[in-house]
Amino acid sequence: MTGAAVVFLLGLCVGSFLNVVIYRLPREETVVTGRSRCTSCGRTLSWRDLVPVASYLILGGKCRYCCERISPRYPLVELITGAVFAALFYRLGPSLVLLKYLCLACILIAASFIDLEHYLIPNRLVLAGLVMAGGFLLLNMEITIKLGLLGALAAGGLLLFLAVVSRGNMGGGDIKLAAVVGLFMGWPWGFMAVVVGLFLAGAVGAVLMALRVKGRKDPLPLAPFLSAGALAVLFWGPQILAWYAGLWGMV
């Protein structure tokens, strides 16, 4: 079995834990203790019910005990986490830098699905991201503390500025998540990740309004777009920067 396949399987298992985070954090529940349970009947789940993706397929997407439908979000999160883990491994190889960005990916995936369901980004998740990013900065890997702090200020500051000029249309959780991305990725990549995320959000928002799915005043969760922007820059940052510079005749 190749390294990428092993990391993919690891990602499936981590994705299973992220599902716990996504469900419990908005409800102010602990993610450290407590057995997993059916969200419909409350029955405690056994290991047979918790095998990533496989249990969902074997059970036909229903609870073993009450036969209520299980949200497809559960296998989706597991598959996305596995795919992102494998892609990062392929891009970065086995290293502490890989571990750093696997941690960032976990924060972004959890934040994205919580924001999609609840239109919020829990402070506990942001704090976990800040602690992780700060720890990696102290190890002085890849980027310096100065560049990390500058990235956080630039990325968070951009969304803070937009929140002010839009008179509160930008959520505080989005600002803090952008700062986490900046702290992980540093300057200029963290700032670029937020810019790419905003571009994606604007494009998708315009399409949704054109299709009359959303109106101008309807909220649009930003965390999924910040996450997509961060991953895009992680994989294609230099190419995106070169393309943008070419648009303005800078190269």
C-alpha atoms as a PDB file:
ATOM      1  CA  MET A   1       0.000   0.000   0.000  1.00  0.00           C
ATOM      2  CA  THR A   2       1.419   3.388  -0.993  1.00  0.00           C
ATOM      3  CA  GLY A   3       1.999   6.229   1.435  1.00  0.00           C
ATOM      4  CA  ALA A   4      -0.812   8.268  -0.116  1.00  0.00           C
ATOM      5  CA  ALA A   5      -3.250   5.376   0.381  1.00  0.00           C
ATOM      6  CA  VAL A   6      -2.270   5.049   4.041  1.00  0.00           C
ATOM      7  CA  VAL A   7      -2.705   8.781   4.555  1.00  0.00           C
ATOM      8  CA  PHE A   8      -6.086   8.604   2.793  1.00  0.00           C
ATOM      9  CA  LEU A   9      -7.249   5.924   5.252  1.00  0.00           C
ATOM     10  CA  LEU A  10      -5.931   8.039   8.118  1.00  0.00           C
ATOM     11  CA  GLY A  11      -7.917  10.950   6.717  1.00  0.00           C
ATOM     12  CA  LEU A  12     -11.091   8.860   6.711  1.00  0.00           C
ATOM     13  CA  CYS A  13     -10.616   8.163  10.434  1.00  0.00           C
ATOM     14  CA  VAL A  14      -9.816  11.804  11.206  1.00  0.00           C
ATOM     15  CA  GLY A  15     -12.884  12.799   9.196  1.00  0.00           C
ATOM     16  CA  SER A  16     -14.983  10.584  11.456  1.00  0.00           C
ATOM     17  CA  PHE A  17     -13.710  12.576  14.446  1.00  0.00           C
ATOM     18  CA  LEU A  18     -14.349  15.846  12.611  1.00  0.00           C
ATOM     19  CA  ASN A  19     -17.985  14.797  12.278  1.00  0.00           C
ATOM     20  CA  VAL A  20     -18.109  14.690  16.076  1.00  0.00           C
ATOM     21  CA  VAL A  21     -16.599  18.180  16.200  1.00  0.00           C
ATOM     22  CA  ILE A  22     -19.051  19.491  13.589  1.00  0.00           C
ATOM     23  CA  TYR A  23     -22.039  18.135  15.498  1.00  0.00           C
ATOM     24  CA  ARG A  24     -21.001  18.918  19.060  1.00  0.00           C
ATOM     25  CA  LEU A  25     -19.208  22.284  19.000  1.00  0.00           C
ATOM     26  CA  PRO A  26     -22.249  24.352  17.929  1.00  0.00           C
ATOM     27  CA  ARG A  27     -24.212  22.655  20.721  1.00  0.00           C
ATOM     28  CA  GLU A  28     -21.556  23.528  23.311  1.00  0.00           C
ATOM     29  CA  GLU A  29     -20.831  19.832  23.947  1.00  0.00           C
ATOM     30  CA  THR A  30     -17.424  18.345  24.708  1.00  0.00           C
ATOM     31  CA  VAL A  31     -15.562  16.619  21.895  1.00  0.00           C
ATOM     32  CA  VAL A  32     -13.089  14.909  24.239  1.00  0.00           C
ATOM     33  CA  THR A  33     -15.346  12.522  26.141  1.00  0.00           C
ATOM     34  CA  GLY A  34     -18.658  10.800  25.511  1.00  0.00           C
ATOM     35  CA  ARG A  35     -19.551   7.931  23.176  1.00  0.00           C
ATOM     36  CA  SER A  36     -20.961   8.614  19.728  1.00  0.00           C
ATOM     37  CA  ARG A  37     -24.733   8.292  19.556  1.00  0.00           C
ATOM     38  CA  CYS A  38     -27.549   8.435  17.034  1.00  0.00           C
ATOM     39  CA  THR A  39     -28.731  12.020  16.658  1.00  0.00           C
ATOM     40  CA  SER A  40     -32.334  10.800  16.266  1.00  0.00           C
ATOM     41  CA  CYS A  41     -32.897   8.116  18.926  1.00  0.00           C
ATOM     42  CA  GLY A  42     -29.903   8.814  21.162  1.00  0.00           C
ATOM     43  CA  ARG A  43     -28.712   5.189  21.222  1.00  0.00           C
ATOM     44  CA  THR A  44     -24.984   4.712  21.802  1.00  0.00           C
ATOM     45  CA  LEU A  45     -23.269   3.491  18.640  1.00  0.00           C
ATOM     46  CA  SER A  46     -20.932   0.490  18.549  1.00  0.00           C
ATOM     47  CA  TRP A  47     -17.720   0.234  16.562  1.00  0.00           C
ATOM     48  CA  ARG A  48     -19.656  -1.521  13.783  1.00  0.00           C
ATOM     49  CA  ASP A  49     -21.647   1.673  13.251  1.00  0.00           C
ATOM     50  CA  LEU A  50     -18.590   3.925  13.161  1.00  0.00           C
ATOM     51  CA  VAL A  51     -16.351   2.486  10.427  1.00  0.00           C
ATOM     52  CA  PRO A  52     -15.734   5.497   8.146  1.00  0.00           C
ATOM     53  CA  VAL A  53     -17.869   5.429   4.967  1.00  0.00           C
ATOM     54  CA  ALA A  54     -18.287   1.621   5.090  1.00  0.00           C
ATOM     55  CA  SER A  55     -20.797   1.635   7.979  1.00  0.00           C
ATOM     56  CA  TYR A  56     -22.924   4.231   6.192  1.00  0.00           C
ATOM     57  CA  LEU A  57     -23.017   2.130   3.023  1.00  0.00           C
ATOM     58  CA  ILE A  58     -23.643  -1.183   4.811  1.00  0.00           C
ATOM     59  CA  LEU A  59     -26.499   0.315   6.846  1.00  0.00           C
ATOM     60  CA  GLY A  60     -28.013   1.952   3.776  1.00  0.00           C
ATOM     61  CA  GLY A  61     -27.648   5.395   5.298  1.00  0.00           C
ATOM     62  CA  LYS A  62     -29.953   4.544   8.218  1.00  0.00           C
ATOM     63  CA  CYS A  63     -29.512   4.088  11.972  1.00  0.00           C
ATOM     64  CA  ARG A  64     -29.238   0.409  12.953  1.00  0.00           C
ATOM     65  CA  TYR A  65     -31.638   0.955  15.880  1.00  0.00           C
ATOM     66  CA  CYS A  66     -34.322   3.462  14.848  1.00  0.00           C
ATOM     67  CA  CYS A  67     -33.937   3.279  11.042  1.00  0.00           C
ATOM     68  CA  GLU A  68     -33.929   7.073  10.747  1.00  0.00           C
ATOM     69  CA  ARG A  69     -31.919   8.528   7.895  1.00  0.00           C
ATOM     70  CA  ILE A  70     -28.280   9.412   8.630  1.00  0.00           C
ATOM     71  CA  SER A  71     -27.143  12.667   7.091  1.00  0.00           C
ATOM     72  CA  PRO A  72     -24.939  12.129   4.009  1.00  0.00           C
ATOM     73  CA  ARG A  73     -22.729  14.790   5.529  1.00  0.00           C
ATOM     74  CA  TYR A  74     -21.011  12.069   7.591  1.00  0.00           C
ATOM     75  CA  PRO A  75     -19.465  10.058   4.728  1.00  0.00           C
ATOM     76  CA  LEU A  76     -18.937  13.278   2.752  1.00  0.00           C
ATOM     77  CA  VAL A  77     -16.768  14.785   5.497  1.00  0.00           C
ATOM     78  CA  GLU A  78     -14.817  11.532   5.804  1.00  0.00           C
ATOM     79  CA  LEU A  79     -14.186  11.307   2.056  1.00  0.00           C
ATOM     80  CA  ILE A  80     -13.218  14.972   1.747  1.00  0.00           C
ATOM     81  CA  THR A  81     -10.812  14.680   4.670  1.00  0.00           C
ATOM     82  CA  GLY A  82      -9.262  11.533   3.220  1.00  0.00           C
ATOM     83  CA  ALA A  83      -8.873  13.122  -0.211  1.00  0.00           C
ATOM     84  CA  VAL A  84      -7.359  16.339   1.171  1.00  0.00           C
ATOM     85  CA  PHE A  85      -4.951  14.385   3.385  1.00  0.00           C
ATOM     86  CA  ALA A  86      -3.802  12.247   0.441  1.00  0.00           C
ATOM     87  CA  ALA A  87      -3.422  15.276  -1.838  1.00  0.00           C
ATOM     88  CA  LEU A  88      -1.364  17.146   0.758  1.00  0.00           C
ATOM     89  CA  PHE A  89       0.832  14.089   1.256  1.00  0.00           C
ATOM     90  CA  TYR A  90       1.382  13.877  -2.493  1.00  0.00           C
ATOM     91  CA  ARG A  91       2.191  17.603  -2.619  1.00  0.00           C
ATOM     92  CA  LEU A  92       4.408  17.919   0.470  1.00  0.00           C
ATOM     93  CA  GLY A  93       5.702  14.433   1.250  1.00  0.00           C
ATOM     94  CA  PRO A  94       6.241  13.074   4.784  1.00  0.00           C
ATOM     95  CA  SER A  95       7.407  16.015   6.905  1.00  0.00           C
ATOM     96  CA  LEU A  96       6.492  18.317   9.781  1.00  0.00           C
ATOM     97  CA  VAL A  97       5.264  20.799   7.179  1.00  0.00           C
ATOM     98  CA  LEU A  98       2.773  18.143   6.062  1.00  0.00           C
ATOM     99  CA  LEU A  99       1.595  17.722   9.670  1.00  0.00           C
ATOM    100  CA  LYS A 100       1.160  21.482   9.922  1.00  0.00           C
ATOM    101  CA  TYR A 101      -1.101  21.677   6.898  1.00  0.00           C
ATOM    102  CA  LEU A 102      -3.027  18.548   7.862  1.00  0.00           C
ATOM    103  CA  CYS A 103      -3.916  20.391  11.077  1.00  0.00           C
ATOM    104  CA  LEU A 104      -4.981  23.451   9.072  1.00  0.00           C
ATOM    105  CA  ALA A 105      -7.087  21.233   6.810  1.00  0.00           C
ATOM    106  CA  CYS A 106      -8.898  19.795   9.845  1.00  0.00           C
ATOM    107  CA  ILE A 107      -9.723  23.270  11.147  1.00  0.00           C
ATOM    108  CA  LEU A 108     -10.953  24.397   7.721  1.00  0.00           C
ATOM    109  CA  ILE A 109     -13.096  21.313   7.057  1.00  0.00           C
ATOM    110  CA  ALA A 110     -14.777  21.527  10.460  1.00  0.00           C
ATOM    111  CA  ALA A 111     -15.304  25.295  10.132  1.00  0.00           C
ATOM    112  CA  SER A 112     -16.757  24.915   6.630  1.00  0.00           C
ATOM    113  CA  PHE A 113     -19.415  22.380   7.544  1.00  0.00           C
ATOM    114  CA  ILE A 114     -20.359  24.136  10.784  1.00  0.00           C
ATOM    115  CA  ASP A 115     -20.714  27.411   8.884  1.00  0.00           C
ATOM    116  CA  LEU A 116     -22.822  25.726   6.202  1.00  0.00           C
ATOM    117  CA  GLU A 117     -25.205  24.287   8.809  1.00  0.00           C
ATOM    118  CA  HIS A 118     -25.276  27.005  11.467  1.00  0.00           C
ATOM    119  CA  TYR A 119     -23.833  30.191   9.906  1.00  0.00           C
ATOM    120  CA  LEU A 120     -21.237  30.443  12.663  1.00  0.00           C
ATOM    121  CA  ILE A 121     -17.638  29.515  13.416  1.00  0.00           C
ATOM    122  CA  PRO A 122     -17.195  28.480  17.075  1.00  0.00           C
ATOM    123  CA  ASN A 123     -14.570  30.329  19.095  1.00  0.00           C
ATOM    124  CA  ARG A 124     -13.255  27.019  20.459  1.00  0.00           C
ATOM    125  CA  LEU A 125     -12.415  25.931  16.919  1.00  0.00           C
ATOM    126  CA  VAL A 126     -10.679  29.241  16.194  1.00  0.00           C
ATOM    127  CA  LEU A 127      -8.726  28.970  19.455  1.00  0.00           C
ATOM    128  CA  ALA A 128      -7.605  25.440  18.558  1.00  0.00           C
ATOM    129  CA  GLY A 129      -6.383  26.751  15.218  1.00  0.00           C
ATOM    130  CA  LEU A 130      -4.480  29.628  16.816  1.00  0.00           C
ATOM    131  CA  VAL A 131      -2.795  27.295  19.312  1.00  0.00           C
ATOM    132  CA  MET A 132      -1.772  24.859  16.566  1.00  0.00           C
ATOM    133  CA  ALA A 133      -0.492  27.609  14.274  1.00  0.00           C
ATOM    134  CA  GLY A 134       1.392  29.253  17.134  1.00  0.00           C
ATOM    135  CA  GLY A 135       3.028  25.958  18.042  1.00  0.00           C
ATOM    136  CA  PHE A 136       4.252  25.390  14.506  1.00  0.00           C
ATOM    137  CA  LEU A 137       5.528  28.984  14.335  1.00  0.00           C
ATOM    138  CA  LEU A 138       7.597  28.417  17.470  1.00  0.00           C
ATOM    139  CA  LEU A 139       9.205  25.446  15.721  1.00  0.00           C
ATOM    140  CA  ASN A 140      10.291  27.989  13.078  1.00  0.00           C
ATOM    141  CA  MET A 141       9.284  25.678  10.226  1.00  0.00           C
ATOM    142  CA  GLU A 142       8.875  27.012   6.692  1.00  0.00           C
ATOM    143  CA  ILE A 143       7.946  30.551   7.787  1.00  0.00           C
ATOM    144  CA  THR A 144       9.247  32.868  10.513  1.00  0.00           C
ATOM    145  CA  ILE A 145       7.207  34.191  13.420  1.00  0.00           C
ATOM    146  CA  LYS A 146       7.315  37.626  11.796  1.00  0.00           C
ATOM    147  CA  LEU A 147       5.845  36.357   8.522  1.00  0.00           C
ATOM    148  CA  GLY A 148       3.219  34.341  10.392  1.00  0.00           C
ATOM    149  CA  LEU A 149       2.057  37.337  12.408  1.00  0.00           C
ATOM    150  CA  LEU A 150       2.105  39.537   9.316  1.00  0.00           C
ATOM    151  CA  GLY A 151       0.002  36.970   7.468  1.00  0.00           C
ATOM    152  CA  ALA A 152      -2.540  36.873  10.305  1.00  0.00           C
ATOM    153  CA  LEU A 153      -2.760  40.671  10.473  1.00  0.00           C
ATOM    154  CA  ALA A 154      -3.097  41.036   6.700  1.00  0.00           C
ATOM    155  CA  ALA A 155      -5.653  38.244   6.225  1.00  0.00           C
ATOM    156  CA  GLY A 156      -7.748  39.106   9.271  1.00  0.00           C
ATOM    157  CA  GLY A 157      -7.346  42.826   8.639  1.00  0.00           C
ATOM    158  CA  LEU A 158      -8.705  42.526   5.111  1.00  0.00           C
ATOM    159  CA  LEU A 159     -11.922  40.908   6.334  1.00  0.00           C
ATOM    160  CA  LEU A 160     -12.153  43.374   9.227  1.00  0.00           C
ATOM    161  CA  PHE A 161     -11.933  46.226   6.723  1.00  0.00           C
ATOM    162  CA  LEU A 162     -14.655  44.629   4.583  1.00  0.00           C
ATOM    163  CA  ALA A 163     -16.820  44.131   7.677  1.00  0.00           C
ATOM    164  CA  VAL A 164     -16.542  47.844   8.477  1.00  0.00           C
ATOM    165  CA  VAL A 165     -17.283  49.090   4.962  1.00  0.00           C
ATOM    166  CA  SER A 166     -20.142  46.595   4.534  1.00  0.00           C
ATOM    167  CA  ARG A 167     -21.587  47.620   7.911  1.00  0.00           C
ATOM    168  CA  GLY A 168     -21.496  44.237   9.552  1.00  0.00           C
ATOM    169  CA  ASN A 169     -22.235  41.938   6.613  1.00  0.00           C
ATOM    170  CA  MET A 170     -18.995  40.087   7.398  1.00  0.00           C
ATOM    171  CA  GLY A 171     -19.170  37.832  10.453  1.00  0.00           C
ATOM    172  CA  GLY A 172     -16.681  37.989  13.305  1.00  0.00           C
ATOM    173  CA  GLY A 173     -16.011  34.272  12.949  1.00  0.00           C
ATOM    174  CA  ASP A 174     -14.941  34.795   9.343  1.00  0.00           C
ATOM    175  CA  ILE A 175     -12.435  37.451  10.432  1.00  0.00           C
ATOM    176  CA  LYS A 176     -10.948  35.168  13.078  1.00  0.00           C
ATOM    177  CA  LEU A 177     -10.785  32.194  10.705  1.00  0.00           C
ATOM    178  CA  ALA A 178      -8.975  34.354   8.140  1.00  0.00           C
ATOM    179  CA  ALA A 179      -6.446  35.292  10.826  1.00  0.00           C
ATOM    180  CA  VAL A 180      -5.908  31.591  11.574  1.00  0.00           C
ATOM    181  CA  VAL A 181      -5.265  30.919   7.875  1.00  0.00           C
ATOM    182  CA  GLY A 182      -2.812  33.825   7.785  1.00  0.00           C
ATOM    183  CA  LEU A 183      -0.994  32.594  10.884  1.00  0.00           C
ATOM    184  CA  PHE A 184      -0.609  29.101   9.413  1.00  0.00           C
ATOM    185  CA  MET A 185       0.415  30.182   5.916  1.00  0.00           C
ATOM    186  CA  GLY A 186       2.227  33.446   6.616  1.00  0.00           C
ATOM    187  CA  TRP A 187       2.747  36.429   4.348  1.00  0.00           C
ATOM    188  CA  PRO A 188       1.933  36.651   1.456  1.00  0.00           C
ATOM    189  CA  TRP A 189       0.273  33.264   1.038  1.00  0.00           C
ATOM    190  CA  GLY A 190      -2.261  33.618   3.846  1.00  0.00           C
ATOM    191  CA  PHE A 191      -3.384  36.976   2.482  1.00  0.00           C
ATOM    192  CA  MET A 192      -3.605  35.523  -1.026  1.00  0.00           C
ATOM    193  CA  ALA A 193      -5.693  32.604   0.276  1.00  0.00           C
ATOM    194  CA  VAL A 194      -8.276  35.030   1.655  1.00  0.00           C
ATOM    195  CA  VAL A 195      -8.318  37.038  -1.586  1.00  0.00           C
ATOM    196  CA  VAL A 196      -8.890  33.857  -3.622  1.00  0.00           C
ATOM    197  CA  GLY A 197     -11.613  32.790  -1.178  1.00  0.00           C
ATOM    198  CA  LEU A 198     -13.378  36.141  -1.509  1.00  0.00           C
ATOM    199  CA  PHE A 199     -13.190  35.897  -5.298  1.00  0.00           C
ATOM    200  CA  LEU A 200     -14.757  32.425  -5.196  1.00  0.00           C
ATOM    201  CA  ALA A 201     -17.467  33.592  -2.792  1.00  0.00           C
ATOM    202  CA  GLY A 202     -18.277  36.538  -5.041  1.00  0.00           C
ATOM    203  CA  ALA A 203     -18.465  34.346  -8.138  1.00  0.00           C
ATOM    204  CA  VAL A 204     -20.683  31.721  -6.494  1.00  0.00           C
ATOM    205  CA  GLY A 205     -22.839  34.415  -4.885  1.00  0.00           C
ATOM    206  CA  ALA A 206     -23.376  36.083  -8.259  1.00  0.00           C
ATOM    207  CA  VAL A 207     -24.426  32.772  -9.821  1.00  0.00           C
ATOM    208  CA  LEU A 208     -26.839  32.011  -6.961  1.00  0.00           C
ATOM    209  CA  MET A 209     -28.412  35.455  -7.288  1.00  0.00           C
ATOM    210  CA  ALA A 210     -28.692  35.080 -11.065  1.00  0.00           C
ATOM    211  CA  LEU A 211     -30.493  31.770 -10.509  1.00  0.00           C
ATOM    212  CA  ARG A 212     -32.673  33.434  -7.835  1.00  0.00           C
ATOM    213  CA  VAL A 213     -31.512  30.899  -5.266  1.00  0.00           C
ATOM    214  CA  LYS A 214     -30.340  33.710  -2.986  1.00  0.00           C
ATOM    215  CA  GLY A 215     -31.108  37.410  -2.733  1.00  0.00           C
ATOM    216  CA  ARG A 216     -28.644  40.247  -2.176  1.00  0.00           C
ATOM    217  CA  LYS A 217     -29.315  40.279   1.567  1.00  0.00           C
ATOM    218  CA  ASP A 218     -29.287  36.506   2.110  1.00  0.00           C
ATOM    219  CA  PRO A 219     -26.248  35.259   4.076  1.00  0.00           C
ATOM    220  CA  LEU A 220     -23.578  33.211   2.332  1.00  0.00           C
ATOM    221  CA  PRO A 221     -21.305  31.068   4.545  1.00  0.00           C
ATOM    222  CA  LEU A 222     -17.765  32.279   3.913  1.00  0.00           C
ATOM    223  CA  ALA A 223     -15.758  29.519   5.630  1.00  0.00           C
ATOM    224  CA  PRO A 224     -16.065  27.032   2.721  1.00  0.00           C
ATOM    225  CA  PHE A 225     -14.680  29.653   0.337  1.00  0.00           C
ATOM    226  CA  LEU A 226     -11.843  30.648   2.664  1.00  0.00           C
ATOM    227  CA  SER A 227     -11.020  26.951   2.915  1.00  0.00           C
ATOM    228  CA  ALA A 228     -11.075  26.504  -0.851  1.00  0.00           C
ATOM    229  CA  GLY A 229      -8.879  29.581  -1.233  1.00  0.00           C
ATOM    230  CA  ALA A 230      -6.362  28.259   1.285  1.00  0.00           C
ATOM    231  CA  LEU A 231      -6.156  24.865  -0.428  1.00  0.00           C
ATOM    232  CA  ALA A 232      -5.872  26.480  -3.863  1.00  0.00           C
ATOM    233  CA  VAL A 233      -2.925  28.583  -2.700  1.00  0.00           C
ATOM    234  CA  LEU A 234      -1.287  25.605  -0.991  1.00  0.00           C
ATOM    235  CA  PHE A 235      -1.324  23.682  -4.262  1.00  0.00           C
ATOM    236  CA  TRP A 236      -1.009  26.427  -6.876  1.00  0.00           C
ATOM    237  CA  GLY A 237       0.094  29.569  -5.026  1.00  0.00           C
ATOM    238  CA  PRO A 238       3.018  30.562  -7.287  1.00  0.00           C
ATOM    239  CA  GLN A 239       0.969  29.913 -10.426  1.00  0.00           C
ATOM    240  CA  ILE A 240      -1.933  32.024  -9.125  1.00  0.00           C
ATOM    241  CA  LEU A 241       0.455  34.834  -8.212  1.00  0.00           C
ATOM    242  CA  ALA A 242       2.100  34.699 -11.653  1.00  0.00           C
ATOM    243  CA  TRP A 243      -1.292  34.712 -13.394  1.00  0.00           C
ATOM    244  CA  TYR A 244      -2.471  37.711 -11.373  1.00  0.00           C
ATOM    245  CA  ALA A 245       0.766  39.593 -12.000  1.00  0.00           C
ATOM    246  CA  GLY A 246       0.411  38.869 -15.708  1.00  0.00           C
ATOM    247  CA  LEU A 247      -3.044  40.452 -15.752  1.00  0.00           C
ATOM    248  CA  TRP A 248      -1.514  43.741 -14.641  1.00  0.00           C
ATOM    249  CA  GLY A 249       1.542  43.499 -16.852  1.00  0.00           C
ATOM    250  CA  MET A 250       3.848  43.010 -13.870  1.00  0.00           C
ATOM    251  CA  VAL A 251       5.786  40.159 -15.487  1.00  0.00           C
END
